[in-house]
Amino acid sequence: PLLQNYIRRTNPYIRQLLVGWITVLDSVPDINMIDWLPDFLDGLFNMLSDSNREIRQAADSALSEFLREVKVSRVVEFGPMVTILVVQCQSKERLNRLTAATWLSEFIVLGGDALLTFHAEILGAIMRCISDVEPEIRQVSERTNVTLLTVIQHTSKPFPLSPLLETLTTELRNKDVATKMASLAW
């Protein structure tokens, strides 16, 4: 609770303290910070756009380490984090969008069918990033789009198709040609 109270603060000293504190807690073997990640993930992402370079680097490093831990963890609650990542894909900050799209790409591979209820949200975020001005974000998004389509094509579990269709219909109305073309490929 204390961490949640301070994670959204913009004071650089508080942010440095928080990133350091999160990193130290994560290094303690008896504490599984992945369980608490949804509580402070958005705050770490917001630190990626901090004006202080040291805070941006520390947040980026912490996020990279948490993604590595998510990859090797047996039990991960993707749901709350997917919502945060979808919002971050719409950030005006390049690093936020790139990092969020990268996380979503990994989540699709790791979560597979477990993320079926979130596929429409993920698809919407990825479709918007396909037309990003940054080439690296476009590449990650295009790759993620293909992976998501493959996961959905090969799933044997039932899932609601209407949210995906609504997302694709919305993206067909997008002004960006790359997003329209990706939608049509579905």
C-alpha atoms as a PDB file:
ATOM      1  CA  PRO A   1       0.000   0.000   0.000  1.00  0.00           C
ATOM      2  CA  LEU A   2       2.806   2.443   0.800  1.00  0.00           C
ATOM      3  CA  LEU A   3       4.421   1.780  -2.562  1.00  0.00           C
ATOM      4  CA  GLN A   4       1.102   2.381  -4.336  1.00  0.00           C
ATOM      5  CA  ASN A   5       0.726   5.721  -2.576  1.00  0.00           C
ATOM      6  CA  TYR A   6       4.074   7.019  -3.807  1.00  0.00           C
ATOM      7  CA  ILE A   7       4.553   5.340  -7.202  1.00  0.00           C
ATOM      8  CA  ARG A   8       2.671   8.066  -9.087  1.00  0.00           C
ATOM      9  CA  ARG A   9       4.637  10.929  -7.559  1.00  0.00           C
ATOM     10  CA  THR A  10       6.729  13.005  -9.930  1.00  0.00           C
ATOM     11  CA  ASN A  11       9.333  14.214  -7.459  1.00  0.00           C
ATOM     12  CA  PRO A  12      12.677  12.934  -8.823  1.00  0.00           C
ATOM     13  CA  TYR A  13      14.031  12.082  -5.365  1.00  0.00           C
ATOM     14  CA  ILE A  14      10.955  10.011  -4.523  1.00  0.00           C
ATOM     15  CA  ARG A  15      11.146   8.298  -7.911  1.00  0.00           C
ATOM     16  CA  GLN A  16      14.826   7.417  -7.465  1.00  0.00           C
ATOM     17  CA  LEU A  17      14.101   6.070  -4.001  1.00  0.00           C
ATOM     18  CA  LEU A  18      11.167   4.002  -5.278  1.00  0.00           C
ATOM     19  CA  VAL A  19      13.024   2.453  -8.206  1.00  0.00           C
ATOM     20  CA  GLY A  20      15.921   1.631  -5.893  1.00  0.00           C
ATOM     21  CA  TRP A  21      13.557   0.214  -3.282  1.00  0.00           C
ATOM     22  CA  ILE A  22      11.721  -1.923  -5.859  1.00  0.00           C
ATOM     23  CA  THR A  23      15.037  -3.202  -7.229  1.00  0.00           C
ATOM     24  CA  VAL A  24      16.324  -4.088  -3.762  1.00  0.00           C
ATOM     25  CA  LEU A  25      13.078  -5.831  -2.801  1.00  0.00           C
ATOM     26  CA  ASP A  26      13.216  -7.762  -6.060  1.00  0.00           C
ATOM     27  CA  SER A  27      16.708  -8.996  -5.220  1.00  0.00           C
ATOM     28  CA  VAL A  28      15.524 -10.517  -1.909  1.00  0.00           C
ATOM     29  CA  PRO A  29      15.014 -14.253  -2.557  1.00  0.00           C
ATOM     30  CA  ASP A  30      12.078 -14.590  -0.130  1.00  0.00           C
ATOM     31  CA  ILE A  31      10.060 -11.830  -1.798  1.00  0.00           C
ATOM     32  CA  ASN A  32       8.339 -12.580  -5.099  1.00  0.00           C
ATOM     33  CA  MET A  33       7.866  -9.115  -6.559  1.00  0.00           C
ATOM     34  CA  ILE A  34       6.080 -10.577  -9.603  1.00  0.00           C
ATOM     35  CA  ASP A  35       3.057 -11.056  -7.324  1.00  0.00           C
ATOM     36  CA  TRP A  36       3.036  -7.299  -6.686  1.00  0.00           C
ATOM     37  CA  LEU A  37       4.050  -6.172 -10.172  1.00  0.00           C
ATOM     38  CA  PRO A  38       0.545  -5.062 -11.266  1.00  0.00           C
ATOM     39  CA  ASP A  39       0.511  -2.636  -8.306  1.00  0.00           C
ATOM     40  CA  PHE A  40       3.538  -0.657  -9.474  1.00  0.00           C
ATOM     41  CA  LEU A  41       3.967  -1.523 -13.172  1.00  0.00           C
ATOM     42  CA  ASP A  42       2.150   1.591 -14.394  1.00  0.00           C
ATOM     43  CA  GLY A  43       4.287   3.779 -12.149  1.00  0.00           C
ATOM     44  CA  LEU A  44       7.492   2.248 -13.517  1.00  0.00           C
ATOM     45  CA  PHE A  45       6.252   2.813 -17.059  1.00  0.00           C
ATOM     46  CA  ASN A  46       5.474   6.443 -16.236  1.00  0.00           C
ATOM     47  CA  MET A  47       9.042   6.840 -15.021  1.00  0.00           C
ATOM     48  CA  LEU A  48      10.257   5.964 -18.527  1.00  0.00           C
ATOM     49  CA  SER A  49       9.180   9.443 -19.574  1.00  0.00           C
ATOM     50  CA  ASP A  50      10.832  11.243 -16.660  1.00  0.00           C
ATOM     51  CA  SER A  51      12.959  14.254 -17.556  1.00  0.00           C
ATOM     52  CA  ASN A  52      15.807  12.849 -15.425  1.00  0.00           C
ATOM     53  CA  ARG A  53      17.924  10.422 -17.491  1.00  0.00           C
ATOM     54  CA  GLU A  54      19.012   8.414 -14.424  1.00  0.00           C
ATOM     55  CA  ILE A  55      15.404   7.754 -13.444  1.00  0.00           C
ATOM     56  CA  ARG A  56      14.530   6.707 -17.015  1.00  0.00           C
ATOM     57  CA  GLN A  57      17.487   4.319 -17.099  1.00  0.00           C
ATOM     58  CA  ALA A  58      16.714   2.869 -13.674  1.00  0.00           C
ATOM     59  CA  ALA A  59      13.054   2.334 -14.604  1.00  0.00           C
ATOM     60  CA  ASP A  60      14.015   0.763 -17.930  1.00  0.00           C
ATOM     61  CA  SER A  61      16.481  -1.537 -16.200  1.00  0.00           C
ATOM     62  CA  ALA A  62      13.897  -2.550 -13.577  1.00  0.00           C
ATOM     63  CA  LEU A  63      11.282  -3.215 -16.266  1.00  0.00           C
ATOM     64  CA  SER A  64      13.747  -5.326 -18.259  1.00  0.00           C
ATOM     65  CA  GLU A  65      14.525  -7.380 -15.177  1.00  0.00           C
ATOM     66  CA  PHE A  66      10.834  -7.865 -14.374  1.00  0.00           C
ATOM     67  CA  LEU A  67      10.122  -8.998 -17.926  1.00  0.00           C
ATOM     68  CA  ARG A  68      12.952 -11.501 -17.636  1.00  0.00           C
ATOM     69  CA  GLU A  69      11.441 -12.762 -14.369  1.00  0.00           C
ATOM     70  CA  VAL A  70       7.961 -12.979 -15.903  1.00  0.00           C
ATOM     71  CA  LYS A  71       9.418 -15.162 -18.667  1.00  0.00           C
ATOM     72  CA  VAL A  72      10.801 -17.699 -16.173  1.00  0.00           C
ATOM     73  CA  SER A  73       7.991 -17.529 -13.623  1.00  0.00           C
ATOM     74  CA  ARG A  74       5.550 -20.405 -13.465  1.00  0.00           C
ATOM     75  CA  VAL A  75       2.614 -18.388 -12.204  1.00  0.00           C
ATOM     76  CA  VAL A  76       1.915 -14.926 -13.591  1.00  0.00           C
ATOM     77  CA  GLU A  77      -1.319 -12.968 -13.395  1.00  0.00           C
ATOM     78  CA  PHE A  78      -1.317 -11.385 -16.864  1.00  0.00           C
ATOM     79  CA  GLY A  79      -4.754  -9.752 -16.752  1.00  0.00           C
ATOM     80  CA  PRO A  80      -4.094  -6.647 -14.660  1.00  0.00           C
ATOM     81  CA  MET A  81      -0.804  -6.043 -16.441  1.00  0.00           C
ATOM     82  CA  VAL A  82      -2.337  -6.355 -19.932  1.00  0.00           C
ATOM     83  CA  THR A  83      -4.636  -3.419 -19.218  1.00  0.00           C
ATOM     84  CA  ILE A  84      -1.676  -1.286 -18.111  1.00  0.00           C
ATOM     85  CA  LEU A  85       0.339  -2.259 -21.206  1.00  0.00           C
ATOM     86  CA  VAL A  86      -2.551  -1.474 -23.553  1.00  0.00           C
ATOM     87  CA  VAL A  87      -2.775   2.035 -22.088  1.00  0.00           C
ATOM     88  CA  GLN A  88       1.005   2.488 -22.299  1.00  0.00           C
ATOM     89  CA  CYS A  89       0.927   1.539 -25.999  1.00  0.00           C
ATOM     90  CA  GLN A  90      -0.992   4.782 -26.503  1.00  0.00           C
ATOM     91  CA  SER A  91       1.525   6.936 -24.628  1.00  0.00           C
ATOM     92  CA  LYS A  92       2.972   9.965 -26.369  1.00  0.00           C
ATOM     93  CA  GLU A  93       6.422   8.829 -25.219  1.00  0.00           C
ATOM     94  CA  ARG A  94       8.366   6.596 -27.611  1.00  0.00           C
ATOM     95  CA  LEU A  95      10.070   4.463 -24.938  1.00  0.00           C
ATOM     96  CA  ASN A  96       6.766   3.787 -23.189  1.00  0.00           C
ATOM     97  CA  ARG A  97       5.146   2.590 -26.434  1.00  0.00           C
ATOM     98  CA  LEU A  98       8.127   0.468 -27.435  1.00  0.00           C
ATOM     99  CA  THR A  99       8.471  -1.155 -24.024  1.00  0.00           C
ATOM    100  CA  ALA A 100       4.727  -1.815 -23.738  1.00  0.00           C
ATOM    101  CA  ALA A 101       4.562  -3.343 -27.223  1.00  0.00           C
ATOM    102  CA  THR A 102       7.566  -5.534 -26.377  1.00  0.00           C
ATOM    103  CA  TRP A 103       5.914  -6.699 -23.153  1.00  0.00           C
ATOM    104  CA  LEU A 104       2.666  -7.473 -24.992  1.00  0.00           C
ATOM    105  CA  SER A 105       4.611  -9.475 -27.561  1.00  0.00           C
ATOM    106  CA  GLU A 106       6.185 -11.559 -24.798  1.00  0.00           C
ATOM    107  CA  PHE A 107       2.865 -11.958 -22.989  1.00  0.00           C
ATOM    108  CA  ILE A 108       1.228 -13.378 -26.106  1.00  0.00           C
ATOM    109  CA  VAL A 109       3.957 -15.993 -26.420  1.00  0.00           C
ATOM    110  CA  LEU A 110       3.974 -16.798 -22.690  1.00  0.00           C
ATOM    111  CA  GLY A 111       0.244 -16.600 -22.005  1.00  0.00           C
ATOM    112  CA  GLY A 112      -1.170 -18.005 -25.222  1.00  0.00           C
ATOM    113  CA  ASP A 113      -4.709 -19.264 -24.618  1.00  0.00           C
ATOM    114  CA  ALA A 114      -4.713 -17.886 -21.068  1.00  0.00           C
ATOM    115  CA  LEU A 115      -4.975 -14.411 -22.604  1.00  0.00           C
ATOM    116  CA  LEU A 116      -7.975 -15.157 -24.844  1.00  0.00           C
ATOM    117  CA  THR A 117     -10.223 -12.773 -22.927  1.00  0.00           C
ATOM    118  CA  PHE A 118      -7.718  -9.961 -23.500  1.00  0.00           C
ATOM    119  CA  HIS A 119      -6.973 -10.556 -27.181  1.00  0.00           C
ATOM    120  CA  ALA A 120      -9.295  -7.791 -28.411  1.00  0.00           C
ATOM    121  CA  GLU A 121      -7.628  -5.248 -26.108  1.00  0.00           C
ATOM    122  CA  ILE A 122      -4.169  -6.408 -27.136  1.00  0.00           C
ATOM    123  CA  LEU A 123      -5.122  -6.379 -30.812  1.00  0.00           C
ATOM    124  CA  GLY A 124      -6.399  -2.793 -30.581  1.00  0.00           C
ATOM    125  CA  ALA A 125      -3.172  -1.611 -28.942  1.00  0.00           C
ATOM    126  CA  ILE A 126      -0.981  -3.427 -31.435  1.00  0.00           C
ATOM    127  CA  MET A 127      -2.984  -2.179 -34.427  1.00  0.00           C
ATOM    128  CA  ARG A 128      -2.483   1.422 -33.315  1.00  0.00           C
ATOM    129  CA  CYS A 129       1.264   0.814 -32.938  1.00  0.00           C
ATOM    130  CA  ILE A 130       1.542  -0.717 -36.427  1.00  0.00           C
ATOM    131  CA  SER A 131       1.213   2.817 -37.830  1.00  0.00           C
ATOM    132  CA  ASP A 132       3.595   4.382 -35.324  1.00  0.00           C
ATOM    133  CA  VAL A 133       6.061   6.980 -36.599  1.00  0.00           C
ATOM    134  CA  GLU A 134       8.923   5.037 -34.982  1.00  0.00           C
ATOM    135  CA  PRO A 135      10.198   2.157 -37.164  1.00  0.00           C
ATOM    136  CA  GLU A 136      11.212   0.029 -34.173  1.00  0.00           C
ATOM    137  CA  ILE A 137       7.725   0.234 -32.654  1.00  0.00           C
ATOM    138  CA  ARG A 138       6.182  -0.653 -36.022  1.00  0.00           C
ATOM    139  CA  GLN A 139       8.451  -3.707 -36.337  1.00  0.00           C
ATOM    140  CA  VAL A 140       7.649  -5.002 -32.850  1.00  0.00           C
ATOM    141  CA  SER A 141       3.937  -4.406 -33.461  1.00  0.00           C
ATOM    142  CA  GLU A 142       3.907  -6.125 -36.837  1.00  0.00           C
ATOM    143  CA  ARG A 143       5.674  -9.151 -35.347  1.00  0.00           C
ATOM    144  CA  THR A 144       3.286  -9.160 -32.380  1.00  0.00           C
ATOM    145  CA  ASN A 145       0.292  -8.947 -34.713  1.00  0.00           C
ATOM    146  CA  VAL A 146       1.461 -12.049 -36.613  1.00  0.00           C
ATOM    147  CA  THR A 147       2.071 -13.921 -33.350  1.00  0.00           C
ATOM    148  CA  LEU A 148      -1.362 -12.992 -32.009  1.00  0.00           C
ATOM    149  CA  LEU A 149      -3.060 -14.103 -35.224  1.00  0.00           C
ATOM    150  CA  THR A 150      -1.187 -17.418 -35.090  1.00  0.00           C
ATOM    151  CA  VAL A 151      -2.176 -17.992 -31.451  1.00  0.00           C
ATOM    152  CA  ILE A 152      -5.831 -17.318 -32.247  1.00  0.00           C
ATOM    153  CA  GLN A 153      -5.783 -19.509 -35.356  1.00  0.00           C
ATOM    154  CA  HIS A 154      -4.349 -22.438 -33.418  1.00  0.00           C
ATOM    155  CA  THR A 155      -6.387 -22.182 -30.237  1.00  0.00           C
ATOM    156  CA  SER A 156      -8.683 -25.047 -29.450  1.00  0.00           C
ATOM    157  CA  LYS A 157     -10.467 -23.243 -26.644  1.00  0.00           C
ATOM    158  CA  PRO A 158     -13.731 -21.396 -27.242  1.00  0.00           C
ATOM    159  CA  PHE A 159     -13.538 -17.627 -26.991  1.00  0.00           C
ATOM    160  CA  PRO A 160     -15.813 -14.699 -27.807  1.00  0.00           C
ATOM    161  CA  LEU A 161     -15.175 -13.627 -31.373  1.00  0.00           C
ATOM    162  CA  SER A 162     -17.291 -10.455 -31.337  1.00  0.00           C
ATOM    163  CA  PRO A 163     -14.772  -8.302 -29.369  1.00  0.00           C
ATOM    164  CA  LEU A 164     -12.065  -9.157 -31.900  1.00  0.00           C
ATOM    165  CA  LEU A 165     -14.392  -8.360 -34.803  1.00  0.00           C
ATOM    166  CA  GLU A 166     -15.381  -5.055 -33.198  1.00  0.00           C
ATOM    167  CA  THR A 167     -11.711  -4.132 -32.771  1.00  0.00           C
ATOM    168  CA  LEU A 168     -10.901  -5.060 -36.369  1.00  0.00           C
ATOM    169  CA  THR A 169     -13.916  -3.116 -37.658  1.00  0.00           C
ATOM    170  CA  THR A 170     -12.817  -0.072 -35.682  1.00  0.00           C
ATOM    171  CA  GLU A 171      -9.266  -0.345 -37.014  1.00  0.00           C
ATOM    172  CA  LEU A 172     -10.542  -0.632 -40.606  1.00  0.00           C
ATOM    173  CA  ARG A 173     -11.830   2.916 -40.137  1.00  0.00           C
ATOM    174  CA  ASN A 174      -8.371   4.074 -39.045  1.00  0.00           C
ATOM    175  CA  LYS A 175      -6.817   6.753 -41.252  1.00  0.00           C
ATOM    176  CA  ASP A 176      -3.481   4.914 -41.400  1.00  0.00           C
ATOM    177  CA  VAL A 177      -3.072   2.530 -44.328  1.00  0.00           C
ATOM    178  CA  ALA A 178      -0.732   0.144 -42.479  1.00  0.00           C
ATOM    179  CA  THR A 179      -3.317  -0.387 -39.744  1.00  0.00           C
ATOM    180  CA  LYS A 180      -6.102  -0.922 -42.307  1.00  0.00           C
ATOM    181  CA  MET A 181      -3.987  -3.458 -44.197  1.00  0.00           C
ATOM    182  CA  ALA A 182      -3.104  -5.334 -41.000  1.00  0.00           C
ATOM    183  CA  SER A 183      -6.800  -5.447 -40.090  1.00  0.00           C
ATOM    184  CA  LEU A 184      -7.675  -6.844 -43.499  1.00  0.00           C
ATOM    185  CA  ALA A 185      -5.036  -9.557 -43.097  1.00  0.00           C
ATOM    186  CA  TRP A 186      -7.081 -10.964 -40.236  1.00  0.00           C
END
